[in-house]
Amino acid sequence: MSTRDSLVYKGHANGGDPLISSDYGFRPVIDEFTNMPVPGLVECYSSKMHRSRRSMSDPTDLDLPEVVNAITDDFGMEEVKMDRDTLREYLISYCNETSERLPENERDGFEKAVPVFTDWIVKKAHLRFYTTINEMKNHSNPAVAFGYKDVGDTGETFVFIRSGLVSEVVKQ
């Protein structure tokens, strides 16, 4: 991989959509109460960006400024509504499916991390959930990005279940 290439991470299901790239810089998720990394999770920050768009009602209008989230805009993600019970059900099903897809040598570590990271996800206040329309239509357990904002942030931090992503080199 050359220094200009990047990795694109897709949902683990066959033909999963790109959800994030190495250009955003993964880092471990740190639990704010224990100050320890949460096993199985990675996160990256997504700033807001300005984009121009044409008015649909009057095509002669000049470009209208719009503020969008860089990750959701770059990867075509939409917010998905989930209550805590639905979230728990989703995590159980998603983690079971993910475990089945992992190579034998990665399963044990993933299965040990599942109770810790699912507990963190369920307890995290004000999480938002994102995926692509294609993931929702074509996969019973779509890969989801979990988003949250810390006080004072203008952007959003996106959390991913690392073992639920597969990487692919993209030449630039």
N, C-alpha and C. Protein backbone atom coordinates (compact mmCIF):
# COMPACT_ATOMS: atom_id res chain seq x y z
N MET A 1 0.85 -1.18 0.00
CA MET A 1 0.00 0.00 0.00
C MET A 1 0.89 1.24 0.00
N SER A 2 0.69 2.11 -0.95
CA SER A 2 1.49 3.34 -1.00
C SER A 2 0.96 4.33 0.02
N THR A 3 1.73 5.39 0.25
CA THR A 3 1.32 6.38 1.24
C THR A 3 0.08 7.15 0.81
N ARG A 4 -0.27 7.11 -0.47
CA ARG A 4 -1.45 7.81 -0.95
C ARG A 4 -2.69 6.92 -0.94
N ASP A 5 -2.50 5.62 -0.81
CA ASP A 5 -3.64 4.71 -0.76
C ASP A 5 -4.32 4.82 0.60
N SER A 6 -5.58 4.46 0.65
CA SER A 6 -6.26 4.42 1.93
C SER A 6 -7.05 3.12 2.03
N LEU A 7 -7.46 2.81 3.23
CA LEU A 7 -8.31 1.66 3.46
C LEU A 7 -9.74 2.13 3.57
N VAL A 8 -10.64 1.42 2.92
CA VAL A 8 -12.07 1.67 3.06
C VAL A 8 -12.62 0.50 3.85
N TYR A 9 -13.41 0.79 4.86
CA TYR A 9 -14.00 -0.24 5.70
C TYR A 9 -15.48 -0.38 5.34
N LYS A 10 -15.86 -1.63 5.05
CA LYS A 10 -17.24 -1.95 4.66
C LYS A 10 -17.88 -2.82 5.74
N GLY A 11 -19.21 -2.88 5.70
CA GLY A 11 -19.92 -3.80 6.57
C GLY A 11 -19.51 -5.22 6.24
N HIS A 12 -19.48 -6.10 7.24
CA HIS A 12 -18.97 -7.46 7.05
C HIS A 12 -19.82 -8.33 6.12
N ALA A 13 -21.08 -7.98 5.93
CA ALA A 13 -21.93 -8.78 5.06
C ALA A 13 -21.42 -8.69 3.62
N ASN A 14 -21.69 -9.73 2.85
CA ASN A 14 -21.24 -9.76 1.45
C ASN A 14 -21.71 -8.51 0.72
N GLY A 15 -20.77 -7.83 0.10
CA GLY A 15 -21.11 -6.63 -0.67
C GLY A 15 -21.51 -5.45 0.19
N GLY A 16 -21.08 -5.44 1.43
CA GLY A 16 -21.42 -4.33 2.32
C GLY A 16 -20.95 -3.00 1.77
N ASP A 17 -21.66 -1.96 2.11
CA ASP A 17 -21.31 -0.61 1.66
C ASP A 17 -20.12 -0.07 2.44
N PRO A 18 -19.31 0.79 1.80
CA PRO A 18 -18.26 1.50 2.55
C PRO A 18 -18.91 2.36 3.63
N LEU A 19 -18.35 2.30 4.84
CA LEU A 19 -18.89 3.06 5.97
C LEU A 19 -17.91 4.09 6.51
N ILE A 20 -16.62 3.87 6.26
CA ILE A 20 -15.60 4.77 6.79
C ILE A 20 -14.29 4.46 6.06
N SER A 21 -13.35 5.38 6.09
CA SER A 21 -12.04 5.12 5.51
C SER A 21 -10.95 5.47 6.51
N SER A 22 -9.77 4.95 6.26
CA SER A 22 -8.63 5.21 7.14
C SER A 22 -8.27 6.69 7.15
N ASP A 23 -8.75 7.45 6.19
CA ASP A 23 -8.47 8.89 6.15
C ASP A 23 -9.01 9.62 7.38
N TYR A 24 -9.99 9.02 8.05
CA TYR A 24 -10.56 9.65 9.24
C TYR A 24 -9.80 9.33 10.52
N GLY A 25 -8.87 8.39 10.49
CA GLY A 25 -8.00 8.12 11.63
C GLY A 25 -8.68 7.46 12.82
N PHE A 26 -8.75 6.14 12.80
CA PHE A 26 -9.31 5.40 13.94
C PHE A 26 -8.47 5.58 15.19
N ARG A 27 -9.13 5.53 16.32
CA ARG A 27 -8.46 5.49 17.62
C ARG A 27 -9.32 4.62 18.53
N PRO A 28 -8.74 4.12 19.62
CA PRO A 28 -9.55 3.31 20.55
C PRO A 28 -10.62 4.16 21.22
N VAL A 29 -11.74 3.54 21.55
CA VAL A 29 -12.77 4.20 22.34
C VAL A 29 -12.34 4.12 23.79
N ILE A 30 -12.32 5.25 24.48
CA ILE A 30 -11.93 5.28 25.88
C ILE A 30 -13.18 5.52 26.73
N ASP A 31 -13.42 4.61 27.67
CA ASP A 31 -14.56 4.74 28.58
C ASP A 31 -14.32 5.93 29.50
N GLU A 32 -15.28 6.84 29.55
CA GLU A 32 -15.10 8.06 30.34
C GLU A 32 -15.09 7.81 31.85
N PHE A 33 -15.59 6.65 32.30
CA PHE A 33 -15.61 6.36 33.74
C PHE A 33 -14.38 5.60 34.21
N THR A 34 -13.90 4.66 33.38
CA THR A 34 -12.73 3.86 33.78
C THR A 34 -11.43 4.40 33.20
N ASN A 35 -11.54 5.26 32.17
CA ASN A 35 -10.40 5.78 31.44
C ASN A 35 -9.59 4.67 30.75
N MET A 36 -10.25 3.55 30.47
CA MET A 36 -9.64 2.40 29.81
C MET A 36 -10.26 2.22 28.42
N PRO A 37 -9.50 1.63 27.48
CA PRO A 37 -10.08 1.35 26.16
C PRO A 37 -11.24 0.35 26.27
N VAL A 38 -12.26 0.56 25.46
CA VAL A 38 -13.38 -0.38 25.37
C VAL A 38 -13.01 -1.40 24.29
N PRO A 39 -12.80 -2.67 24.67
CA PRO A 39 -12.36 -3.65 23.67
C PRO A 39 -13.40 -3.84 22.57
N GLY A 40 -12.92 -3.98 21.34
CA GLY A 40 -13.80 -4.26 20.20
C GLY A 40 -14.34 -3.05 19.49
N LEU A 41 -14.11 -1.85 20.05
CA LEU A 41 -14.65 -0.64 19.43
C LEU A 41 -13.53 0.29 18.97
N VAL A 42 -13.77 0.99 17.88
CA VAL A 42 -12.89 2.05 17.41
C VAL A 42 -13.76 3.26 17.10
N GLU A 43 -13.14 4.44 17.12
CA GLU A 43 -13.90 5.65 16.83
C GLU A 43 -13.07 6.61 16.00
N CYS A 44 -13.77 7.56 15.40
CA CYS A 44 -13.11 8.64 14.67
C CYS A 44 -14.03 9.86 14.73
N TYR A 45 -13.44 11.00 14.56
CA TYR A 45 -14.18 12.25 14.65
C TYR A 45 -14.59 12.72 13.25
N SER A 46 -15.79 13.25 13.16
CA SER A 46 -16.29 13.78 11.90
C SER A 46 -16.71 15.22 12.10
N SER A 47 -16.06 16.11 11.39
CA SER A 47 -16.40 17.53 11.52
C SER A 47 -17.59 17.86 10.62
N LYS A 48 -18.13 19.02 10.86
CA LYS A 48 -19.17 19.56 9.98
C LYS A 48 -18.45 20.24 8.81
N MET A 49 -19.06 20.21 7.65
CA MET A 49 -18.47 20.89 6.50
C MET A 49 -19.58 21.62 5.76
N HIS A 50 -19.16 22.65 5.04
CA HIS A 50 -20.10 23.44 4.25
C HIS A 50 -20.12 22.89 2.83
N ARG A 51 -21.32 22.76 2.30
CA ARG A 51 -21.50 22.27 0.94
C ARG A 51 -22.56 23.15 0.29
N SER A 52 -22.42 23.36 -0.99
CA SER A 52 -23.42 24.15 -1.72
C SER A 52 -24.40 23.21 -2.39
N ARG A 53 -25.63 23.66 -2.48
CA ARG A 53 -26.65 22.89 -3.20
C ARG A 53 -27.58 23.87 -3.90
N ARG A 54 -28.18 23.43 -4.97
CA ARG A 54 -29.14 24.26 -5.72
C ARG A 54 -30.52 24.14 -5.09
N SER A 55 -31.26 25.21 -5.14
CA SER A 55 -32.63 25.20 -4.66
C SER A 55 -33.46 24.34 -5.60
N MET A 56 -34.24 23.42 -5.04
CA MET A 56 -35.10 22.56 -5.86
C MET A 56 -36.30 23.34 -6.38
N SER A 57 -36.74 24.34 -5.62
CA SER A 57 -37.94 25.08 -6.02
C SER A 57 -37.65 26.12 -7.10
N ASP A 58 -36.41 26.63 -7.16
CA ASP A 58 -36.07 27.65 -8.13
C ASP A 58 -34.66 27.41 -8.65
N PRO A 59 -34.53 26.69 -9.76
CA PRO A 59 -33.20 26.36 -10.29
C PRO A 59 -32.35 27.57 -10.65
N THR A 60 -32.95 28.77 -10.75
CA THR A 60 -32.17 29.96 -11.07
C THR A 60 -31.49 30.53 -9.82
N ASP A 61 -31.91 30.06 -8.62
CA ASP A 61 -31.26 30.51 -7.38
C ASP A 61 -29.80 30.13 -7.39
N LEU A 62 -29.02 30.94 -6.73
CA LEU A 62 -27.61 30.61 -6.55
C LEU A 62 -27.49 29.42 -5.60
N ASP A 63 -26.31 28.85 -5.55
CA ASP A 63 -26.08 27.75 -4.62
C ASP A 63 -26.41 28.18 -3.20
N LEU A 64 -27.12 27.32 -2.49
CA LEU A 64 -27.46 27.59 -1.09
C LEU A 64 -26.45 26.88 -0.19
N PRO A 65 -25.94 27.57 0.82
CA PRO A 65 -25.00 26.90 1.72
C PRO A 65 -25.73 25.89 2.60
N GLU A 66 -25.07 24.78 2.86
CA GLU A 66 -25.65 23.74 3.71
C GLU A 66 -24.52 23.19 4.57
N VAL A 67 -24.77 22.96 5.85
CA VAL A 67 -23.79 22.37 6.75
C VAL A 67 -24.13 20.90 6.90
N VAL A 68 -23.16 20.03 6.60
CA VAL A 68 -23.39 18.58 6.68
C VAL A 68 -22.29 17.93 7.50
N ASN A 69 -22.57 16.74 7.98
CA ASN A 69 -21.59 15.94 8.68
C ASN A 69 -20.72 15.25 7.63
N ALA A 70 -19.40 15.37 7.75
CA ALA A 70 -18.49 14.85 6.72
C ALA A 70 -18.66 13.35 6.49
N ILE A 71 -18.74 12.54 7.54
CA ILE A 71 -18.83 11.09 7.35
C ILE A 71 -20.17 10.69 6.75
N THR A 72 -21.27 11.21 7.29
CA THR A 72 -22.57 10.81 6.74
C THR A 72 -22.70 11.27 5.29
N ASP A 73 -22.12 12.42 4.96
CA ASP A 73 -22.17 12.92 3.59
C ASP A 73 -21.27 12.10 2.67
N ASP A 74 -20.03 11.83 3.11
CA ASP A 74 -19.08 11.08 2.28
C ASP A 74 -19.55 9.66 1.98
N PHE A 75 -20.24 9.03 2.94
CA PHE A 75 -20.59 7.62 2.79
C PHE A 75 -22.09 7.38 2.62
N GLY A 76 -22.86 8.45 2.44
CA GLY A 76 -24.29 8.32 2.15
C GLY A 76 -25.08 7.66 3.28
N MET A 77 -24.72 7.98 4.51
CA MET A 77 -25.42 7.38 5.65
C MET A 77 -26.65 8.18 6.03
N GLU A 78 -27.62 7.46 6.55
CA GLU A 78 -28.86 8.05 7.06
C GLU A 78 -29.01 7.66 8.52
N GLU A 79 -29.65 8.52 9.28
CA GLU A 79 -29.90 8.19 10.69
C GLU A 79 -31.02 7.16 10.77
N VAL A 80 -30.85 6.19 11.68
CA VAL A 80 -31.83 5.14 11.93
C VAL A 80 -32.30 5.30 13.38
N LYS A 81 -33.58 5.30 13.61
CA LYS A 81 -34.11 5.44 14.98
C LYS A 81 -34.15 4.07 15.64
N MET A 82 -33.64 4.00 16.88
CA MET A 82 -33.69 2.77 17.68
C MET A 82 -33.90 3.14 19.14
N ASP A 83 -34.85 2.46 19.79
CA ASP A 83 -34.96 2.61 21.24
C ASP A 83 -34.01 1.60 21.90
N ARG A 84 -33.87 1.65 23.20
CA ARG A 84 -32.90 0.78 23.89
C ARG A 84 -33.20 -0.71 23.70
N ASP A 85 -34.48 -1.09 23.71
CA ASP A 85 -34.82 -2.51 23.53
C ASP A 85 -34.45 -2.98 22.12
N THR A 86 -34.77 -2.17 21.13
CA THR A 86 -34.41 -2.50 19.75
C THR A 86 -32.89 -2.56 19.60
N LEU A 87 -32.19 -1.63 20.25
CA LEU A 87 -30.73 -1.61 20.21
C LEU A 87 -30.16 -2.91 20.80
N ARG A 88 -30.68 -3.34 21.94
CA ARG A 88 -30.20 -4.59 22.56
C ARG A 88 -30.41 -5.78 21.63
N GLU A 89 -31.62 -5.87 21.05
CA GLU A 89 -31.94 -6.96 20.12
C GLU A 89 -30.99 -6.92 18.91
N TYR A 90 -30.81 -5.73 18.37
CA TYR A 90 -29.91 -5.57 17.23
C TYR A 90 -28.49 -6.04 17.58
N LEU A 91 -27.97 -5.60 18.72
CA LEU A 91 -26.60 -5.95 19.10
C LEU A 91 -26.43 -7.46 19.28
N ILE A 92 -27.40 -8.11 19.89
CA ILE A 92 -27.32 -9.58 20.06
C ILE A 92 -27.27 -10.25 18.70
N SER A 93 -28.18 -9.89 17.81
CA SER A 93 -28.24 -10.51 16.49
C SER A 93 -27.00 -10.18 15.66
N TYR A 94 -26.61 -8.91 15.66
CA TYR A 94 -25.45 -8.48 14.87
C TYR A 94 -24.17 -9.17 15.35
N CYS A 95 -23.98 -9.23 16.67
CA CYS A 95 -22.76 -9.84 17.20
C CYS A 95 -22.73 -11.34 16.96
N ASN A 96 -23.89 -12.01 17.03
CA ASN A 96 -23.94 -13.44 16.70
C ASN A 96 -23.56 -13.67 15.24
N GLU A 97 -24.10 -12.87 14.35
CA GLU A 97 -23.79 -13.00 12.92
C GLU A 97 -22.32 -12.68 12.65
N THR A 98 -21.82 -11.64 13.29
CA THR A 98 -20.42 -11.24 13.11
C THR A 98 -19.50 -12.35 13.58
N SER A 99 -19.79 -12.94 14.74
CA SER A 99 -18.96 -14.01 15.28
C SER A 99 -18.90 -15.20 14.32
N GLU A 100 -20.03 -15.54 13.73
CA GLU A 100 -20.07 -16.65 12.77
C GLU A 100 -19.22 -16.39 11.53
N ARG A 101 -19.08 -15.14 11.15
CA ARG A 101 -18.32 -14.77 9.95
C ARG A 101 -16.81 -14.66 10.20
N LEU A 102 -16.43 -14.53 11.46
CA LEU A 102 -15.01 -14.35 11.78
C LEU A 102 -14.22 -15.63 11.62
N PRO A 103 -12.95 -15.51 11.24
CA PRO A 103 -12.09 -16.69 11.23
C PRO A 103 -11.98 -17.25 12.66
N GLU A 104 -11.79 -18.53 12.75
CA GLU A 104 -11.73 -19.22 14.06
C GLU A 104 -10.79 -18.53 15.05
N ASN A 105 -9.62 -18.09 14.57
CA ASN A 105 -8.62 -17.51 15.47
C ASN A 105 -9.01 -16.12 16.00
N GLU A 106 -10.04 -15.49 15.45
CA GLU A 106 -10.49 -14.17 15.92
C GLU A 106 -11.75 -14.23 16.78
N ARG A 107 -12.45 -15.37 16.74
CA ARG A 107 -13.75 -15.49 17.43
C ARG A 107 -13.66 -15.33 18.93
N ASP A 108 -12.72 -15.99 19.56
CA ASP A 108 -12.64 -15.98 21.02
C ASP A 108 -12.47 -14.56 21.56
N GLY A 109 -11.54 -13.81 20.98
CA GLY A 109 -11.31 -12.43 21.42
C GLY A 109 -12.55 -11.56 21.22
N PHE A 110 -13.21 -11.74 20.08
CA PHE A 110 -14.42 -10.98 19.80
C PHE A 110 -15.51 -11.32 20.82
N GLU A 111 -15.73 -12.61 21.04
CA GLU A 111 -16.80 -13.04 21.95
C GLU A 111 -16.53 -12.58 23.39
N LYS A 112 -15.28 -12.48 23.79
CA LYS A 112 -14.95 -11.96 25.12
C LYS A 112 -15.21 -10.46 25.21
N ALA A 113 -15.03 -9.75 24.10
CA ALA A 113 -15.23 -8.30 24.08
C ALA A 113 -16.71 -7.91 24.00
N VAL A 114 -17.55 -8.78 23.44
CA VAL A 114 -18.96 -8.44 23.19
C VAL A 114 -19.68 -7.92 24.43
N PRO A 115 -19.65 -8.60 25.59
CA PRO A 115 -20.40 -8.06 26.74
C PRO A 115 -19.91 -6.68 27.18
N VAL A 116 -18.61 -6.43 27.05
CA VAL A 116 -18.06 -5.14 27.48
C VAL A 116 -18.50 -4.03 26.54
N PHE A 117 -18.32 -4.22 25.22
CA PHE A 117 -18.67 -3.13 24.32
C PHE A 117 -20.17 -2.95 24.15
N THR A 118 -20.95 -4.04 24.23
CA THR A 118 -22.40 -3.86 24.11
C THR A 118 -22.94 -3.11 25.32
N ASP A 119 -22.38 -3.38 26.50
CA ASP A 119 -22.77 -2.66 27.71
C ASP A 119 -22.44 -1.17 27.55
N TRP A 120 -21.26 -0.87 27.02
CA TRP A 120 -20.86 0.52 26.81
C TRP A 120 -21.83 1.21 25.84
N ILE A 121 -22.15 0.53 24.73
CA ILE A 121 -23.04 1.11 23.71
C ILE A 121 -24.42 1.37 24.29
N VAL A 122 -24.98 0.39 24.99
CA VAL A 122 -26.34 0.54 25.53
C VAL A 122 -26.40 1.64 26.59
N LYS A 123 -25.34 1.79 27.37
CA LYS A 123 -25.34 2.80 28.44
C LYS A 123 -24.97 4.20 27.97
N LYS A 124 -24.35 4.32 26.81
CA LYS A 124 -23.90 5.63 26.32
C LYS A 124 -25.11 6.52 26.05
N ALA A 125 -25.13 7.67 26.67
CA ALA A 125 -26.25 8.60 26.52
C ALA A 125 -26.23 9.27 25.16
N HIS A 126 -27.38 9.50 24.62
CA HIS A 126 -27.59 10.30 23.41
C HIS A 126 -26.89 9.74 22.17
N LEU A 127 -26.81 8.41 22.05
CA LEU A 127 -26.24 7.84 20.83
C LEU A 127 -27.22 7.99 19.68
N ARG A 128 -26.66 8.21 18.51
CA ARG A 128 -27.44 8.22 17.28
C ARG A 128 -26.91 7.07 16.44
N PHE A 129 -27.72 6.53 15.55
CA PHE A 129 -27.37 5.35 14.79
C PHE A 129 -27.47 5.66 13.30
N TYR A 130 -26.43 5.26 12.57
CA TYR A 130 -26.36 5.56 11.14
C TYR A 130 -26.01 4.31 10.35
N THR A 131 -26.57 4.20 9.17
CA THR A 131 -26.17 3.18 8.21
C THR A 131 -26.58 3.68 6.82
N THR A 132 -26.24 2.91 5.81
CA THR A 132 -26.63 3.30 4.45
C THR A 132 -27.97 2.66 4.11
N ILE A 133 -28.65 3.24 3.16
CA ILE A 133 -29.93 2.70 2.71
C ILE A 133 -29.73 1.28 2.18
N ASN A 134 -28.66 1.05 1.43
CA ASN A 134 -28.38 -0.27 0.89
C ASN A 134 -28.18 -1.30 2.00
N GLU A 135 -27.46 -0.94 3.05
CA GLU A 135 -27.26 -1.86 4.18
C GLU A 135 -28.62 -2.23 4.78
N MET A 136 -29.50 -1.24 4.95
CA MET A 136 -30.82 -1.50 5.54
C MET A 136 -31.67 -2.40 4.65
N LYS A 137 -31.62 -2.18 3.35
CA LYS A 137 -32.45 -2.95 2.43
C LYS A 137 -31.95 -4.38 2.24
N ASN A 138 -30.63 -4.56 2.21
CA ASN A 138 -30.07 -5.82 1.77
C ASN A 138 -29.51 -6.73 2.86
N HIS A 139 -29.50 -6.30 4.09
CA HIS A 139 -28.89 -7.10 5.15
C HIS A 139 -29.80 -7.11 6.38
N SER A 140 -30.03 -8.29 6.93
CA SER A 140 -30.90 -8.39 8.10
C SER A 140 -30.26 -7.73 9.32
N ASN A 141 -28.93 -7.71 9.38
CA ASN A 141 -28.20 -7.06 10.46
C ASN A 141 -27.19 -6.09 9.85
N PRO A 142 -27.65 -4.92 9.40
CA PRO A 142 -26.74 -4.00 8.73
C PRO A 142 -25.68 -3.46 9.68
N ALA A 143 -24.51 -3.18 9.12
CA ALA A 143 -23.46 -2.53 9.91
C ALA A 143 -23.95 -1.13 10.25
N VAL A 144 -23.75 -0.74 11.50
CA VAL A 144 -24.22 0.55 11.99
C VAL A 144 -23.06 1.32 12.59
N ALA A 145 -23.05 2.62 12.35
CA ALA A 145 -22.12 3.52 13.02
C ALA A 145 -22.89 4.16 14.16
N PHE A 146 -22.27 4.24 15.32
CA PHE A 146 -22.89 4.85 16.49
C PHE A 146 -22.28 6.24 16.65
N GLY A 147 -23.10 7.27 16.67
CA GLY A 147 -22.59 8.63 16.75
C GLY A 147 -22.96 9.31 18.05
N TYR A 148 -22.02 10.11 18.55
CA TYR A 148 -22.32 10.92 19.74
C TYR A 148 -21.53 12.22 19.68
N LYS A 149 -22.04 13.20 20.44
CA LYS A 149 -21.36 14.50 20.55
C LYS A 149 -21.01 14.73 22.01
N ASP A 150 -19.80 15.19 22.24
CA ASP A 150 -19.42 15.64 23.57
C ASP A 150 -19.80 17.11 23.69
N VAL A 151 -19.97 17.57 24.91
CA VAL A 151 -20.34 18.96 25.16
C VAL A 151 -19.33 19.88 24.48
N GLY A 152 -19.82 20.82 23.73
CA GLY A 152 -18.97 21.79 23.06
C GLY A 152 -18.48 21.37 21.67
N ASP A 153 -18.68 20.11 21.30
CA ASP A 153 -18.26 19.66 19.96
C ASP A 153 -19.21 20.19 18.90
N THR A 154 -18.64 20.59 17.78
CA THR A 154 -19.48 20.98 16.66
C THR A 154 -19.70 19.81 15.71
N GLY A 155 -18.78 18.86 15.73
CA GLY A 155 -18.91 17.66 14.90
C GLY A 155 -19.42 16.50 15.73
N GLU A 156 -19.20 15.30 15.25
CA GLU A 156 -19.71 14.11 15.92
C GLU A 156 -18.64 13.03 15.91
N THR A 157 -18.58 12.24 16.96
CA THR A 157 -17.67 11.10 17.02
C THR A 157 -18.44 9.86 16.60
N PHE A 158 -17.85 9.08 15.69
CA PHE A 158 -18.48 7.87 15.19
C PHE A 158 -17.76 6.65 15.75
N VAL A 159 -18.53 5.71 16.29
CA VAL A 159 -18.00 4.49 16.88
C VAL A 159 -18.41 3.31 16.00
N PHE A 160 -17.46 2.38 15.81
CA PHE A 160 -17.71 1.19 15.00
C PHE A 160 -17.30 -0.05 15.77
N ILE A 161 -18.03 -1.15 15.56
CA ILE A 161 -17.61 -2.46 16.07
C ILE A 161 -16.56 -2.95 15.08
N ARG A 162 -15.31 -2.97 15.52
CA ARG A 162 -14.18 -3.23 14.63
C ARG A 162 -14.30 -4.55 13.87
N SER A 163 -14.68 -5.61 14.55
CA SER A 163 -14.77 -6.91 13.87
C SER A 163 -15.93 -6.98 12.89
N GLY A 164 -16.82 -6.00 12.91
CA GLY A 164 -17.92 -5.96 11.95
C GLY A 164 -17.56 -5.27 10.65
N LEU A 165 -16.30 -4.85 10.54
CA LEU A 165 -15.84 -4.16 9.33
C LEU A 165 -14.78 -4.99 8.62
N VAL A 166 -14.81 -4.98 7.32
CA VAL A 166 -13.74 -5.57 6.52
C VAL A 166 -13.09 -4.43 5.73
N SER A 167 -11.78 -4.53 5.54
CA SER A 167 -11.07 -3.44 4.87
C SER A 167 -10.71 -3.81 3.44
N GLU A 168 -10.58 -2.78 2.65
CA GLU A 168 -10.21 -2.92 1.24
C GLU A 168 -9.32 -1.74 0.87
N VAL A 169 -8.19 -2.02 0.20
CA VAL A 169 -7.29 -0.96 -0.21
C VAL A 169 -7.88 -0.22 -1.41
N VAL A 170 -7.86 1.10 -1.34
CA VAL A 170 -8.34 1.93 -2.43
C VAL A 170 -7.15 2.76 -2.93
N LYS A 171 -6.81 2.58 -4.20
CA LYS A 171 -5.72 3.34 -4.82
C LYS A 171 -6.18 4.76 -5.06
N GLN A 172 -5.31 5.71 -4.71
CA GLN A 172 -5.66 7.12 -4.92
C GLN A 172 -4.74 7.77 -5.90
